[in-house]
Amino acid sequence: MRAAVLTGYRAPLDLQTVPDPGCPADGVVLRVLACGICRSDWHSWAGSDPDVVLPHIPGHEYCGVVEETGPRVTRWKRGDRVIAPFILACGQCPACAEGNQTTCPTQVIPGFTDPGAFAERIAVPRADHNLTALPEGMDPALAAALGCRVTTAWHGLTGRAALRPGEWLAVFGTGGIGLSALLLAKAIGARVVMVDVVADKLVHARMQGADAIVDAATTDAPAAVREITGGGAHVAIEALGIEETTVSALKSLRKLGRMVQIGMPAGKHTQMTLPMDAVYSGQLALYGTRGMPAWRYPSLLSLIEAGQVDLTPLIARRVSLSAASAELAAFNGPTPPGVAVITDFTR
């Protein structure tokens, strides 16, 4: 099969013909229909993720068609179209039993701990505990985003911060996570302020329904958010994983506000200096979140299927496998609005 292989950090991916993956006893082999190119993939490409061992196939945001099933699989058959969360939980440990699959101590993460989906096929273990049927008629490019960016934003908003209708949400970073948070928050009935330093992305966010935008390159972003929201946001989302935006997100909150750290801190950003006086005096809540448990898919899919949210504005570019390197390198600087998804694995 064709695959884009990471053989050197910050180097172009190597398009190779590699052996097809073997089918796990408890898993499936998928023919990949689409795979998103995410900032988290950039972290592994840049050498910031300790789980990645070279050579390696990236790609963790995917959907596909079942081509083969293992002998212990009972829920899936050849021809099924499915979505996979990027964290594959065991389904049997105490964390999984409590519904917290994203904290499973033996989690498998294709694209990081295992070969990923920048390839024509991918092996997905633990299929019965993790896979979800791809809704009939859903665009695979959009479905791929349900493996990471959309689901992570949904869980952060509803499973962690419990965003309510009428509340103000401040989103720091207008990439895939940020745009997902905007679209989902508007469907919930919240009011949204989008914060970024790229004017084109802010204009795009306004076009997608943002109630207000703040250019952090030209203004004091926390002060602007507090003024717009009449005292501060009820909830803030940090979608980049860097100290500057994490500090700003905390400072943008009103008293008793809730902040969700969705951006992945990596490299020098694993250690941050935060305004704990603001946390203390504002009695703020700070949540970390990563992915979404598979059992929460129905709540999101029902919202989409009922027509309450249109996520198609997320998809800006449909690219070939050979274009993945350029998309990853683009994360070195300001990226254009929307996300890129690999939909052509033949070139």
Protein backbone atom coordinates (compact mmCIF):
# COMPACT_ATOMS: atom_id res chain seq x y z
CA MET A 1 0.00 0.00 0.00
CA ARG A 2 1.03 3.65 -0.38
CA ALA A 3 1.94 5.56 2.75
CA ALA A 4 3.54 8.87 3.70
CA VAL A 5 6.32 7.97 6.13
CA LEU A 6 8.08 10.25 8.58
CA THR A 7 11.77 9.35 8.32
CA GLY A 8 13.30 12.57 9.68
CA TYR A 9 11.93 15.35 11.83
CA ARG A 10 10.86 18.50 9.98
CA ALA A 11 11.70 16.76 6.69
CA PRO A 12 9.31 15.99 3.82
CA LEU A 13 7.39 12.77 4.32
CA ASP A 14 8.65 9.91 2.20
CA LEU A 15 6.01 8.40 -0.10
CA GLN A 16 6.64 4.67 0.06
CA THR A 17 5.08 1.36 -0.81
CA VAL A 18 4.85 -0.51 2.49
CA PRO A 19 3.28 -3.84 3.49
CA ASP A 20 -0.44 -3.85 4.21
CA PRO A 21 -1.13 -3.91 7.97
CA GLY A 22 -2.02 -7.16 9.65
CA CYS A 23 -5.45 -7.44 11.23
CA PRO A 24 -5.51 -7.47 15.06
CA ALA A 25 -7.49 -10.30 16.64
CA ASP A 26 -9.76 -7.73 18.33
CA GLY A 27 -9.63 -5.22 15.50
CA VAL A 28 -10.19 -4.40 11.87
CA VAL A 29 -8.28 -3.22 8.83
CA LEU A 30 -9.79 -0.15 7.19
CA ARG A 31 -9.39 1.20 3.69
CA VAL A 32 -8.91 4.86 4.57
CA LEU A 33 -11.46 7.20 2.98
CA ALA A 34 -10.11 10.42 4.46
CA CYS A 35 -7.57 11.59 7.01
CA GLY A 36 -7.26 15.08 8.46
CA ILE A 37 -3.93 16.87 8.76
CA CYS A 38 -3.88 18.26 12.28
CA ARG A 39 -1.62 20.45 14.41
CA SER A 40 -1.04 17.38 16.60
CA ASP A 41 0.45 15.66 13.54
CA TRP A 42 2.74 18.68 13.22
CA HIS A 43 3.99 18.08 16.77
CA SER A 44 5.07 14.54 15.85
CA TRP A 45 6.53 15.77 12.51
CA ALA A 46 8.54 18.38 14.44
CA GLY A 47 9.88 15.82 16.94
CA SER A 48 7.97 17.10 19.96
CA ASP A 49 6.03 13.93 20.76
CA PRO A 50 7.97 11.32 22.75
CA ASP A 51 5.63 8.50 21.65
CA VAL A 52 6.77 8.73 18.03
CA VAL A 53 9.61 6.44 16.95
CA LEU A 54 11.00 6.77 13.42
CA PRO A 55 10.25 5.63 10.81
CA HIS A 56 6.60 6.32 11.41
CA ILE A 57 3.28 6.79 9.56
CA PRO A 58 1.40 9.80 10.98
CA GLY A 59 -2.34 10.44 10.84
CA HIS A 60 -4.86 10.08 13.67
CA GLU A 61 -8.05 11.74 12.33
CA TYR A 62 -9.59 9.25 9.93
CA CYS A 63 -12.57 7.28 8.70
CA GLY A 64 -12.73 4.27 6.45
CA VAL A 65 -14.35 1.10 5.16
CA VAL A 66 -13.83 -2.21 6.95
CA GLU A 67 -11.87 -4.60 4.73
CA GLU A 68 -10.98 -7.29 7.27
CA THR A 69 -12.10 -8.22 10.78
CA GLY A 70 -10.32 -10.15 13.51
CA PRO A 71 -11.80 -13.32 15.06
CA ARG A 72 -12.79 -11.52 18.28
CA VAL A 73 -14.74 -8.74 16.54
CA THR A 74 -18.52 -9.06 16.86
CA ARG A 75 -19.94 -5.63 15.96
CA TRP A 76 -18.40 -4.97 12.56
CA LYS A 77 -18.23 -6.65 9.16
CA ARG A 78 -16.58 -6.12 5.82
CA GLY A 79 -18.03 -3.10 4.02
CA ASP A 80 -19.04 -1.14 7.13
CA ARG A 81 -18.12 2.56 6.99
CA VAL A 82 -16.78 3.70 10.36
CA ILE A 83 -15.21 6.52 12.34
CA ALA A 84 -12.55 5.91 14.96
CA PRO A 85 -11.68 8.16 17.91
CA PHE A 86 -7.97 8.90 17.98
CA ILE A 87 -7.65 7.33 21.46
CA LEU A 88 -8.45 3.61 21.30
CA ALA A 89 -9.37 2.46 24.81
CA CYS A 90 -9.33 -1.10 26.11
CA GLY A 91 -12.96 -1.00 27.23
CA GLN A 92 -12.30 -3.15 30.30
CA CYS A 93 -10.18 -1.23 32.84
CA PRO A 94 -11.66 0.84 35.73
CA ALA A 95 -11.24 4.08 33.74
CA CYS A 96 -13.18 2.65 30.79
CA ALA A 97 -15.83 1.18 33.11
CA GLU A 98 -16.39 4.68 34.51
CA GLY A 99 -16.83 6.11 31.01
CA ASN A 100 -13.44 7.82 30.96
CA GLN A 101 -11.95 6.02 27.99
CA THR A 102 -9.67 8.92 27.13
CA THR A 103 -7.73 8.19 30.34
CA CYS A 104 -7.36 4.44 29.66
CA PRO A 105 -3.86 3.51 30.92
CA THR A 106 -3.23 1.14 27.99
CA GLN A 107 -4.64 3.40 25.27
CA VAL A 108 -3.49 2.93 21.68
CA ILE A 109 -3.13 6.06 19.52
CA PRO A 110 -2.70 5.44 15.78
CA GLY A 111 -0.49 8.13 14.31
CA PHE A 112 1.53 8.33 17.53
CA THR A 113 2.01 5.03 19.38
CA ASP A 114 1.02 2.97 16.31
CA PRO A 115 1.13 3.44 12.53
CA GLY A 116 -1.39 6.05 11.44
CA ALA A 117 -3.70 6.86 8.55
CA PHE A 118 -1.47 8.80 6.14
CA ALA A 119 -1.81 5.56 4.19
CA GLU A 120 -4.24 3.59 2.08
CA ARG A 121 -5.00 1.21 4.94
CA ILE A 122 -4.81 1.22 8.72
CA ALA A 123 -5.13 -1.46 11.38
CA VAL A 124 -7.49 -0.45 14.21
CA PRO A 125 -7.35 -2.63 17.35
CA ARG A 126 -10.12 -2.79 19.98
CA ALA A 127 -12.74 -2.24 17.32
CA ASP A 128 -15.83 -3.30 19.30
CA HIS A 129 -15.07 -0.78 22.05
CA ASN A 130 -14.22 2.20 19.88
CA LEU A 131 -15.60 2.32 16.35
CA THR A 132 -18.77 4.21 15.44
CA ALA A 133 -20.78 3.83 12.25
CA LEU A 134 -20.29 6.66 9.77
CA PRO A 135 -23.74 8.24 9.26
CA GLU A 136 -25.30 7.53 5.88
CA GLY A 137 -24.50 10.28 3.42
CA MET A 138 -21.88 12.04 5.55
CA ASP A 139 -18.93 13.34 3.57
CA PRO A 140 -15.85 11.27 4.53
CA ALA A 141 -13.74 14.46 4.67
CA LEU A 142 -16.06 15.79 7.36
CA ALA A 143 -16.31 12.43 9.10
CA ALA A 144 -12.52 12.32 9.44
CA ALA A 145 -12.67 15.47 11.56
CA LEU A 146 -14.98 13.60 13.95
CA GLY A 147 -11.97 11.54 15.00
CA CYS A 148 -10.21 14.47 16.66
CA ARG A 149 -10.95 18.14 16.20
CA VAL A 150 -14.77 18.18 16.28
CA THR A 151 -15.09 15.51 18.94
CA THR A 152 -12.41 17.06 21.14
CA ALA A 153 -14.14 20.44 20.93
CA TRP A 154 -17.54 18.85 21.66
CA HIS A 155 -16.25 17.03 24.71
CA GLY A 156 -14.42 20.12 25.94
CA LEU A 157 -17.55 22.27 25.65
CA THR A 158 -20.14 19.80 26.92
CA GLY A 159 -18.32 17.07 28.84
CA ARG A 160 -15.87 19.32 30.68
CA ALA A 161 -16.97 22.98 30.78
CA ALA A 162 -20.74 22.30 30.50
CA LEU A 163 -21.31 25.33 28.26
CA ARG A 164 -24.90 26.58 28.53
CA PRO A 165 -27.16 28.53 26.15
CA GLY A 166 -26.69 32.28 26.51
CA GLU A 167 -23.20 32.05 28.00
CA TRP A 168 -20.20 33.76 26.45
CA LEU A 169 -17.44 31.55 25.06
CA ALA A 170 -13.99 32.96 24.22
CA VAL A 171 -11.96 30.82 21.80
CA PHE A 172 -8.23 31.47 21.56
CA GLY A 173 -7.04 30.11 18.21
CA THR A 174 -9.17 29.80 15.07
CA GLY A 175 -7.74 26.60 13.60
CA GLY A 176 -9.64 23.32 13.36
CA ILE A 177 -10.36 23.07 17.09
CA GLY A 178 -11.30 26.74 17.32
CA LEU A 179 -13.65 26.67 14.33
CA SER A 180 -15.22 23.44 15.62
CA ALA A 181 -15.79 25.06 19.00
CA LEU A 182 -17.38 28.10 17.34
CA LEU A 183 -19.82 26.09 15.24
CA LEU A 184 -20.77 23.75 18.08
CA ALA A 185 -21.14 26.53 20.64
CA LYS A 186 -23.49 28.43 18.34
CA ALA A 187 -25.56 25.25 17.96
CA ILE A 188 -25.77 25.04 21.76
CA GLY A 189 -26.98 28.65 21.88
CA ALA A 190 -23.89 30.32 23.31
CA ARG A 191 -22.37 33.64 22.22
CA VAL A 192 -18.82 33.39 20.90
CA VAL A 193 -15.77 35.67 20.76
CA MET A 194 -12.97 34.41 18.52
CA VAL A 195 -9.39 35.51 19.23
CA ASP A 196 -6.43 35.16 16.86
CA VAL A 197 -3.53 37.11 15.35
CA VAL A 198 -4.36 36.33 11.70
CA ALA A 199 -6.85 38.79 10.23
CA ASP A 200 -8.06 36.46 7.45
CA LYS A 201 -8.92 33.74 9.97
CA LEU A 202 -10.85 36.21 12.10
CA VAL A 203 -12.83 37.37 9.06
CA HIS A 204 -13.58 33.72 8.27
CA ALA A 205 -14.72 33.15 11.87
CA ARG A 206 -17.04 36.15 11.64
CA MET A 207 -18.52 34.71 8.44
CA GLN A 208 -19.17 31.43 10.29
CA GLY A 209 -21.23 33.12 12.97
CA ALA A 210 -18.85 34.53 15.58
CA ASP A 211 -20.58 37.25 17.60
CA ALA A 212 -17.32 39.15 17.97
CA ILE A 213 -13.68 38.88 16.94
CA VAL A 214 -10.51 40.12 18.62
CA ASP A 215 -7.18 40.62 16.87
CA ALA A 216 -4.65 39.80 19.57
CA ALA A 217 -1.85 41.22 17.39
CA THR A 218 -3.19 44.74 17.80
CA THR A 219 -5.01 44.81 21.14
CA ASP A 220 -4.99 43.52 24.72
CA ALA A 221 -7.06 40.39 24.03
CA PRO A 222 -8.22 39.60 27.60
CA ALA A 223 -9.28 43.21 28.16
CA ALA A 224 -11.13 43.23 24.83
CA VAL A 225 -12.95 40.00 25.69
CA ARG A 226 -13.94 41.32 29.11
CA GLU A 227 -15.34 44.49 27.53
CA ILE A 228 -17.26 42.64 24.80
CA THR A 229 -18.78 40.15 27.24
CA GLY A 230 -19.60 42.63 29.98
CA GLY A 231 -17.16 41.33 32.56
CA GLY A 232 -15.52 38.29 31.04
CA ALA A 233 -16.35 35.05 29.26
CA HIS A 234 -18.11 32.27 31.14
CA VAL A 235 -15.97 29.70 29.32
CA ALA A 236 -12.67 29.98 27.46
CA ILE A 237 -11.12 27.47 25.07
CA GLU A 238 -7.35 27.44 24.50
CA ALA A 239 -6.80 25.79 21.12
CA LEU A 240 -3.09 26.27 20.42
CA GLY A 241 -1.17 24.81 23.36
CA ILE A 242 1.13 27.78 24.00
CA GLU A 243 1.74 29.85 27.12
CA GLU A 244 0.69 33.23 25.72
CA THR A 245 -2.80 32.09 24.72
CA THR A 246 -3.27 29.99 27.87
CA VAL A 247 -2.52 33.03 30.04
CA SER A 248 -4.82 35.21 27.93
CA ALA A 249 -7.63 32.66 28.12
CA LEU A 250 -7.46 32.59 31.91
CA LYS A 251 -7.38 36.39 32.12
CA SER A 252 -10.41 36.69 29.81
CA LEU A 253 -12.75 34.90 32.22
CA ARG A 254 -15.28 36.40 34.59
CA LYS A 255 -15.39 35.21 38.19
CA LEU A 256 -16.31 31.52 38.48
CA GLY A 257 -15.37 31.10 34.83
CA ARG A 258 -14.22 27.81 33.32
CA MET A 259 -11.26 27.32 31.02
CA VAL A 260 -10.55 24.23 28.91
CA GLN A 261 -7.01 23.50 27.74
CA ILE A 262 -7.51 21.74 24.39
CA GLY A 263 -4.34 22.86 22.61
CA MET A 264 -1.55 20.32 23.08
CA PRO A 265 1.39 21.82 25.02
CA ALA A 266 4.57 20.42 23.49
CA GLY A 267 8.27 21.27 23.44
CA LYS A 268 9.03 24.38 25.47
CA HIS A 269 5.32 24.87 26.16
CA THR A 270 5.07 21.81 28.41
CA GLN A 271 6.10 24.14 31.22
CA MET A 272 4.13 27.39 31.57
CA THR A 273 3.99 30.29 34.00
CA LEU A 274 0.30 30.93 34.69
CA PRO A 275 -1.49 33.74 36.56
CA MET A 276 -2.54 31.70 39.57
CA ASP A 277 -3.62 34.91 41.31
CA ALA A 278 -6.36 35.18 38.66
CA VAL A 279 -7.34 31.56 39.25
CA TYR A 280 -7.47 32.14 43.00
CA SER A 281 -9.20 35.52 43.11
CA GLY A 282 -11.60 34.67 40.30
CA GLN A 283 -12.31 31.20 41.71
CA LEU A 284 -11.75 29.84 38.22
CA ALA A 285 -11.93 26.22 37.09
CA LEU A 286 -9.20 24.91 34.78
CA TYR A 287 -9.88 21.71 32.83
CA GLY A 288 -7.58 19.65 30.68
CA THR A 289 -9.16 17.57 27.94
CA ARG A 290 -7.94 15.23 25.23
CA GLY A 291 -10.18 13.47 22.74
CA MET A 292 -13.68 12.16 23.46
CA PRO A 293 -14.93 8.81 24.78
CA ALA A 294 -16.54 6.75 22.03
CA TRP A 295 -19.82 6.44 23.96
CA ARG A 296 -20.38 10.19 23.50
CA TYR A 297 -20.57 10.02 19.70
CA PRO A 298 -24.41 9.69 19.60
CA SER A 299 -24.92 13.06 21.29
CA LEU A 300 -22.81 14.75 18.62
CA LEU A 301 -24.07 12.76 15.65
CA SER A 302 -27.70 13.42 16.59
CA LEU A 303 -26.95 17.15 16.59
CA ILE A 304 -25.42 16.89 13.11
CA GLU A 305 -28.09 14.60 11.65
CA ALA A 306 -30.86 16.85 12.97
CA GLY A 307 -29.39 19.73 10.99
CA GLN A 308 -28.66 21.78 14.10
CA VAL A 309 -25.04 22.35 13.12
CA ASP A 310 -23.33 22.59 9.72
CA LEU A 311 -19.69 21.61 10.02
CA THR A 312 -18.85 21.81 6.31
CA PRO A 313 -17.13 25.22 6.69
CA LEU A 314 -14.33 23.38 8.51
CA ILE A 315 -13.08 21.71 5.33
CA ALA A 316 -11.00 24.17 3.32
CA ARG A 317 -8.71 21.90 1.32
CA ARG A 318 -9.00 18.34 0.00
CA VAL A 319 -5.49 17.20 -0.84
CA SER A 320 -3.54 14.20 -2.04
CA LEU A 321 -1.22 12.10 0.11
CA SER A 322 1.77 13.76 -1.55
CA ALA A 323 0.60 17.18 -0.31
CA ALA A 324 0.70 16.18 3.37
CA SER A 325 4.28 17.40 3.81
CA ALA A 326 3.45 20.93 2.68
CA GLU A 327 0.39 21.06 4.93
CA LEU A 328 2.46 19.98 7.93
CA ALA A 329 5.18 22.54 7.19
CA ALA A 330 2.52 25.26 6.99
CA PHE A 331 1.94 24.88 10.75
CA ASN A 332 5.37 26.46 11.24
CA GLY A 333 3.64 29.82 10.73
CA PRO A 334 0.16 31.31 10.46
CA THR A 335 -2.09 28.91 8.58
CA PRO A 336 -4.98 29.83 6.26
CA PRO A 337 -8.61 29.42 7.41
CA GLY A 338 -10.08 25.94 7.57
CA VAL A 339 -8.51 22.50 7.67
CA ALA A 340 -6.89 20.21 5.12
CA VAL A 341 -8.00 16.61 4.64
CA ILE A 342 -6.32 13.88 2.60
CA THR A 343 -8.94 12.38 0.31
CA ASP A 344 -6.75 11.10 -2.54
CA PHE A 345 -4.36 8.31 -1.55
CA THR A 346 -3.32 7.41 -5.11
CA ARG A 347 -0.76 10.18 -5.57
